[in-house]
Structure formats: C-alpha cells, structure tokens
C-alpha atoms as a PDB file:
ATOM      1  CA  MET A   1      26.735  16.795  -8.374  1.00  0.00           C
ATOM      2  CA  ASN A   2      27.746  13.497  -6.458  1.00  0.00           C
ATOM      3  CA  ARG A   3      25.569  10.197  -8.126  1.00  0.00           C
ATOM      4  CA  LYS A   4      26.821   8.124  -5.553  1.00  0.00           C
ATOM      5  CA  GLY A   5      25.533   9.889  -2.935  1.00  0.00           C
ATOM      6  CA  MET A   6      21.935  10.862  -4.333  1.00  0.00           C
ATOM      7  CA  ARG A   7      21.401   7.202  -5.035  1.00  0.00           C
ATOM      8  CA  ALA A   8      22.212   6.191  -1.583  1.00  0.00           C
ATOM      9  CA  LEU A   9      20.214   9.111  -0.247  1.00  0.00           C
ATOM     10  CA  ARG A  10      16.881   8.289  -2.508  1.00  0.00           C
ATOM     11  CA  SER A  11      17.524   4.769  -1.239  1.00  0.00           C
ATOM     12  CA  ASP A  12      17.709   5.233   2.246  1.00  0.00           C
ATOM     13  CA  PRO A  13      14.664   4.044   4.445  1.00  0.00           C
ATOM     14  CA  ALA A  14      14.677   7.306   6.557  1.00  0.00           C
ATOM     15  CA  PHE A  15      14.187   9.247   3.354  1.00  0.00           C
ATOM     16  CA  ARG A  16      11.368   7.561   2.375  1.00  0.00           C
ATOM     17  CA  ALA A  17       9.658   7.992   5.980  1.00  0.00           C
ATOM     18  CA  ASP A  18      10.040  11.565   5.526  1.00  0.00           C
ATOM     19  CA  LEU A  19       8.627  11.075   1.908  1.00  0.00           C
ATOM     20  CA  LEU A  20       5.361   9.607   3.645  1.00  0.00           C
ATOM     21  CA  ARG A  21       5.459  12.076   6.228  1.00  0.00           C
ATOM     22  CA  ARG A  22       4.965  14.933   4.159  1.00  0.00           C
ATOM     23  CA  ALA A  23       2.274  12.895   2.196  1.00  0.00           C
ATOM     24  CA  GLU A  24       0.378  12.202   5.034  1.00  0.00           C
ATOM     25  CA  ALA A  25       0.474  16.055   6.029  1.00  0.00           C
ATOM     26  CA  ILE A  26      -0.460  17.098   2.130  1.00  0.00           C
ATOM     27  CA  LYS A  27      -3.505  14.118   2.513  1.00  0.00           C
ATOM     28  CA  GLN A  28      -4.536  15.479   6.011  1.00  0.00           C
ATOM     29  CA  ASP A  29      -4.894  19.468   4.293  1.00  0.00           C
ATOM     30  CA  ALA A  30      -6.378  17.925   1.458  1.00  0.00           C
ATOM     31  CA  SER A  31      -9.417  16.138   2.998  1.00  0.00           C
ATOM     32  CA  ASP A  32      -9.948  18.978   5.874  1.00  0.00           C
ATOM     33  CA  ASN A  33      -8.389  17.081   8.209  1.00  0.00           C
ATOM     34  CA  GLY A  34     -10.315  13.857   7.433  1.00  0.00           C
ATOM     35  CA  ARG A  35     -13.836  15.253   6.486  1.00  0.00           C
ATOM     36  CA  VAL A  36     -13.587  14.343   2.975  1.00  0.00           C
ATOM     37  CA  GLU A  37     -13.115  11.065   2.693  1.00  0.00           C
ATOM     38  CA  GLY A  38     -10.658   9.073  -0.744  1.00  0.00           C
ATOM     39  CA  TYR A  39      -7.492  10.576  -0.705  1.00  0.00           C
ATOM     40  CA  VAL A  40      -5.360   7.709  -1.042  1.00  0.00           C
ATOM     41  CA  ILE A  41      -1.429   8.140  -0.279  1.00  0.00           C
ATOM     42  CA  THR A  42       0.504   4.854  -2.195  1.00  0.00           C
ATOM     43  CA  ASP A  43       3.882   4.440  -1.408  1.00  0.00           C
ATOM     44  CA  LEU A  44       5.534   3.537  -5.039  1.00  0.00           C
ATOM     45  CA  VAL A  45       7.921   0.679  -4.173  1.00  0.00           C
ATOM     46  CA  LEU A  46       8.504  -0.010  -7.657  1.00  0.00           C
ATOM     47  CA  GLU A  47      10.186   3.010  -8.546  1.00  0.00           C
ATOM     48  CA  GLU A  48      13.386   1.336  -7.104  1.00  0.00           C
ATOM     49  CA  PRO A  49      16.180   2.574  -6.975  1.00  0.00           C
ATOM     50  CA  ARG A  50      14.490   5.538  -5.384  1.00  0.00           C
ATOM     51  CA  ALA A  51      11.785   6.348  -2.614  1.00  0.00           C
ATOM     52  CA  ALA A  52       8.423   8.112  -4.294  1.00  0.00           C
ATOM     53  CA  VAL A  53       4.496   8.380  -3.148  1.00  0.00           C
ATOM     54  CA  SER A  54       1.595   9.321  -4.941  1.00  0.00           C
ATOM     55  CA  ILE A  55      -1.622  11.014  -3.137  1.00  0.00           C
ATOM     56  CA  MET A  56      -4.615  10.048  -4.929  1.00  0.00           C
ATOM     57  CA  ALA A  57      -7.760  11.455  -4.950  1.00  0.00           C
ATOM     58  CA  THR A  58     -10.946   8.652  -5.176  1.00  0.00           C
ATOM     59  CA  GLY A  59     -14.908   8.634  -5.111  1.00  0.00           C
ATOM     60  CA  HIS A  60     -15.969  12.276  -3.386  1.00  0.00           C
ATOM     61  CA  ALA A  61     -12.039  13.571  -3.161  1.00  0.00           C
ATOM     62  CA  ALA A  62     -11.637  13.323  -6.910  1.00  0.00           C
ATOM     63  CA  ARG A  63     -14.853  15.572  -7.390  1.00  0.00           C
ATOM     64  CA  SER A  64     -14.053  17.792  -4.485  1.00  0.00           C
ATOM     65  CA  ASN A  65     -10.069  18.161  -6.007  1.00  0.00           C
ATOM     66  CA  ARG A  66     -11.694  18.931  -9.378  1.00  0.00           C
ATOM     67  CA  LYS A  67     -13.986  21.554  -8.106  1.00  0.00           C
ATOM     68  CA  ARG A  68     -11.191  23.247  -5.436  1.00  0.00           C
ATOM     69  CA  ASN A  69      -7.477  22.165  -6.128  1.00  0.00           C
ATOM     70  CA  SER A  70      -7.344  20.574  -3.144  1.00  0.00           C
ATOM     71  CA  LEU A  71      -3.997  18.490  -3.770  1.00  0.00           C
ATOM     72  CA  VAL A  72      -2.575  21.460  -5.404  1.00  0.00           C
ATOM     73  CA  ARG A  73      -3.272  23.835  -2.453  1.00  0.00           C
ATOM     74  CA  ALA A  74      -2.591  21.239   0.445  1.00  0.00           C
ATOM     75  CA  LEU A  75       1.458  20.931  -0.823  1.00  0.00           C
ATOM     76  CA  ASP A  76       2.645  23.718   1.184  1.00  0.00           C
ATOM     77  CA  ALA A  77       1.678  21.458   4.533  1.00  0.00           C
ATOM     78  CA  GLY A  78       4.388  18.711   2.736  1.00  0.00           C
ATOM     79  CA  ARG A  79       6.996  21.541   3.303  1.00  0.00           C
ATOM     80  CA  ALA A  80       7.111  21.577   6.982  1.00  0.00           C
END
C-alpha cells in the first residue's frame, strides 16, 4: 500500500466532503427523512491527519435507534 498516497487521500477536502455527504444520506435514512428528530452529524476535525465523521442519535432518536437499530439499518444509504 502506498502510505503517502493514502495520507494525501485521507486529508483531501474532497474526501471529507464525500464523507459528509454519505453521513447526511445515512442520517436522512435513519431519521425516516427527517421525521425522527435528534440525529446529529459531527465532523471530527481533531482526527487529523485523516477525515472522519460521526453520526449520533440523541434524545428521541436515541430511543428510536435502540428499539429499531436505525443507524445500522441506514448504512446502505451511505454506499451510493
């Protein structure tokens, strides 16, 4: 594996934008297109030198996620 190439790819702003786009798609699917409030996307900027995002379920979304595994079921939405 080319370490320099991977490091460059993971720190590329376009890669970060793609991660955020995928996270937004997962959030929309998990929240049933916005009907369930409380899913939050966090851009983990302290994870330098790599791009990383997190999707958290808070409040009502946390209860819904515990009952239905919404985030796990929504992962396929991020593959497109």
